[in-house]
C-alpha atoms as a PDB file:
ATOM      1  CA  MET A   1       0.030   0.056  -0.014  1.00  0.00           C
ATOM      2  CA  ASN A   2       1.653   3.537  -0.898  1.00  0.00           C
ATOM      3  CA  THR A   3       0.475   6.517   1.347  1.00  0.00           C
ATOM      4  CA  TYR A   4       0.122  10.068   0.192  1.00  0.00           C
ATOM      5  CA  ASN A   5       0.756  12.803   2.587  1.00  0.00           C
ATOM      6  CA  ILE A   6       0.714  16.853   2.697  1.00  0.00           C
ATOM      7  CA  GLY A   7       2.455  17.582   5.702  1.00  0.00           C
ATOM      8  CA  ASP A   8       1.451  15.427   8.893  1.00  0.00           C
ATOM      9  CA  LYS A   9      -1.943  14.514   7.392  1.00  0.00           C
ATOM     10  CA  ILE A  10      -2.730  11.508   5.069  1.00  0.00           C
ATOM     11  CA  LEU A  11      -3.957  12.678   1.515  1.00  0.00           C
ATOM     12  CA  ALA A  12      -4.636   9.333   0.130  1.00  0.00           C
ATOM     13  CA  SER A  13      -3.751   5.454   0.283  1.00  0.00           C
ATOM     14  CA  VAL A  14      -3.203   3.446  -2.640  1.00  0.00           C
ATOM     15  CA  TYR A  15      -4.426  -0.091  -2.303  1.00  0.00           C
ATOM     16  CA  LYS A  16      -4.409  -2.562  -5.205  1.00  0.00           C
ATOM     17  CA  ASP A  17      -6.513  -0.519  -7.856  1.00  0.00           C
ATOM     18  CA  ALA A  18      -8.403   1.867  -5.355  1.00  0.00           C
ATOM     19  CA  VAL A  19      -7.520   5.130  -3.856  1.00  0.00           C
ATOM     20  CA  ILE A  20      -9.103   5.415  -0.189  1.00  0.00           C
ATOM     21  CA  LEU A  21      -9.464   8.775   0.946  1.00  0.00           C
ATOM     22  CA  PRO A  22      -9.678   9.377   4.575  1.00  0.00           C
ATOM     23  CA  LEU A  23     -12.576  11.556   5.210  1.00  0.00           C
ATOM     24  CA  GLU A  24     -12.330  12.150   8.761  1.00  0.00           C
ATOM     25  CA  VAL A  25      -9.166  13.875   7.959  1.00  0.00           C
ATOM     26  CA  TYR A  26     -10.701  16.218   5.423  1.00  0.00           C
ATOM     27  CA  PRO A  27     -14.010  17.250   7.007  1.00  0.00           C
ATOM     28  CA  ASP A  28     -14.086  20.275   4.523  1.00  0.00           C
ATOM     29  CA  MET A  29     -14.639  17.587   1.789  1.00  0.00           C
ATOM     30  CA  THR A  30     -17.749  16.070   2.833  1.00  0.00           C
ATOM     31  CA  GLU A  31     -19.337  17.740   0.052  1.00  0.00           C
ATOM     32  CA  TYR A  32     -17.154  16.368  -2.522  1.00  0.00           C
ATOM     33  CA  ILE A  33     -14.077  14.441  -3.363  1.00  0.00           C
ATOM     34  CA  PRO A  34     -11.829  15.549  -6.403  1.00  0.00           C
ATOM     35  CA  GLY A  35     -12.277  12.526  -8.491  1.00  0.00           C
ATOM     36  CA  ASP A  36     -14.941  10.698  -7.285  1.00  0.00           C
ATOM     37  CA  VAL A  37     -17.611  11.025  -9.424  1.00  0.00           C
ATOM     38  CA  ASP A  38     -19.590   7.970  -8.295  1.00  0.00           C
ATOM     39  CA  GLY A  39     -19.432   8.909  -4.425  1.00  0.00           C
ATOM     40  CA  ASP A  40     -18.034   5.440  -3.427  1.00  0.00           C
ATOM     41  CA  ASN A  41     -15.216   7.566  -1.234  1.00  0.00           C
ATOM     42  CA  THR A  42     -12.607   6.119  -3.793  1.00  0.00           C
ATOM     43  CA  ILE A  43     -10.999   7.210  -6.606  1.00  0.00           C
ATOM     44  CA  ASN A  44     -10.419   4.125  -9.132  1.00  0.00           C
ATOM     45  CA  ILE A  45     -10.954   3.274 -12.935  1.00  0.00           C
ATOM     46  CA  ILE A  46     -14.724   3.320 -12.572  1.00  0.00           C
ATOM     47  CA  ASP A  47     -14.618   7.176 -12.172  1.00  0.00           C
ATOM     48  CA  VAL A  48     -12.504   7.671 -15.108  1.00  0.00           C
ATOM     49  CA  VAL A  49     -14.893   5.611 -17.383  1.00  0.00           C
ATOM     50  CA  GLN A  50     -17.826   7.710 -15.895  1.00  0.00           C
ATOM     51  CA  MET A  51     -16.040  10.955 -16.803  1.00  0.00           C
ATOM     52  CA  ASN A  52     -15.026   9.626 -20.094  1.00  0.00           C
ATOM     53  CA  ARG A  53     -18.550   8.654 -20.930  1.00  0.00           C
ATOM     54  CA  VAL A  54     -19.884  11.894 -19.936  1.00  0.00           C
ATOM     55  CA  THR A  55     -16.966  13.899 -22.153  1.00  0.00           C
ATOM     56  CA  VAL A  56     -18.596  12.038 -25.341  1.00  0.00           C
ATOM     57  CA  GLY A  57     -22.133  13.017 -24.290  1.00  0.00           C
ATOM     58  CA  LEU A  58     -23.292   9.295 -23.407  1.00  0.00           C
ATOM     59  CA  ASP A  59     -24.192  10.270 -20.025  1.00  0.00           C
ATOM     60  CA  GLN A  60     -24.649  13.385 -17.547  1.00  0.00           C
ATOM     61  CA  PHE A  61     -23.303  14.198 -14.421  1.00  0.00           C
ATOM     62  CA  THR A  62     -25.374  15.825 -11.372  1.00  0.00           C
ATOM     63  CA  PRO A  63     -24.016  19.193 -10.272  1.00  0.00           C
ATOM     64  CA  LYS A  64     -21.838  17.597  -7.346  1.00  0.00           C
ATOM     65  CA  GLN A  65     -20.426  14.835  -9.881  1.00  0.00           C
ATOM     66  CA  THR A  66     -19.468  17.419 -12.167  1.00  0.00           C
ATOM     67  CA  LYS A  67     -17.883  19.535  -9.376  1.00  0.00           C
ATOM     68  CA  SER A  68     -16.029  16.586  -8.275  1.00  0.00           C
ATOM     69  CA  ALA A  69     -14.953  15.453 -11.981  1.00  0.00           C
ATOM     70  CA  ASP A  70     -13.619  19.140 -13.062  1.00  0.00           C
ATOM     71  CA  VAL A  71     -10.389  18.255 -11.050  1.00  0.00           C
ATOM     72  CA  ASN A  72      -8.225  21.012 -12.948  1.00  0.00           C
ATOM     73  CA  GLN A  73     -10.829  23.502 -11.980  1.00  0.00           C
ATOM     74  CA  ASN A  74     -11.331  24.922 -15.342  1.00  0.00           C
ATOM     75  CA  GLY A  75     -15.258  24.687 -15.242  1.00  0.00           C
ATOM     76  CA  LYS A  76     -16.165  21.827 -17.693  1.00  0.00           C
ATOM     77  CA  VAL A  77     -15.251  18.051 -17.492  1.00  0.00           C
ATOM     78  CA  ASP A  78     -12.834  17.259 -20.208  1.00  0.00           C
ATOM     79  CA  LEU A  79     -10.518  14.386 -21.074  1.00  0.00           C
ATOM     80  CA  SER A  80      -7.670  16.721 -19.374  1.00  0.00           C
ATOM     81  CA  ASP A  81      -9.683  16.104 -15.792  1.00  0.00           C
ATOM     82  CA  SER A  82     -10.042  11.684 -16.692  1.00  0.00           C
ATOM     83  CA  MET A  83      -6.378  11.623 -17.487  1.00  0.00           C
ATOM     84  CA  GLN A  84      -5.195  13.566 -13.984  1.00  0.00           C
ATOM     85  CA  VAL A  85      -7.274  11.023 -12.401  1.00  0.00           C
ATOM     86  CA  LEU A  86      -5.794   8.033 -14.155  1.00  0.00           C
ATOM     87  CA  ARG A  87      -2.247   9.629 -13.576  1.00  0.00           C
ATOM     88  CA  PHE A  88      -3.369   9.549  -9.860  1.00  0.00           C
ATOM     89  CA  ILE A  89      -4.457   6.280  -9.660  1.00  0.00           C
ATOM     90  CA  VAL A  90      -1.533   4.927 -11.157  1.00  0.00           C
ATOM     91  CA  GLY A  91       0.703   7.065  -9.032  1.00  0.00           C
ATOM     92  CA  LEU A  92       2.495   9.471 -11.595  1.00  0.00           C
ATOM     93  CA  VAL A  93       1.174  12.461  -9.624  1.00  0.00           C
ATOM     94  CA  GLU A  94       0.425  12.863  -5.897  1.00  0.00           C
ATOM     95  CA  THR A  95      -2.376  15.263  -5.817  1.00  0.00           C
ATOM     96  CA  LEU A  96      -5.778  16.088  -7.857  1.00  0.00           C
ATOM     97  CA  GLU A  97      -5.200  19.980  -6.884  1.00  0.00           C
ATOM     98  CA  ALA A  98      -5.301  22.236 -10.355  1.00  0.00           C
END
């Protein structure tokens, strides 16, 4: 398991193919978790697939899902958001900050 920290706070733990975010460490993130579009408190390939389906027009997000999916905070959900989430899942980047 890999753990990503910000200072003394755990940002995320990567276990197998899922990223587990400790909500108790981030009480201000209870409204949404960047990258977690399905709301299961993990960031995984399912979130990326859902983001790509919205990008090509096959699905639509709720406002909460849109906020979660727009990880680069440019006001739209596009391929760059799903690629950033994928990079996070595989460990190429440590955060989903814009």
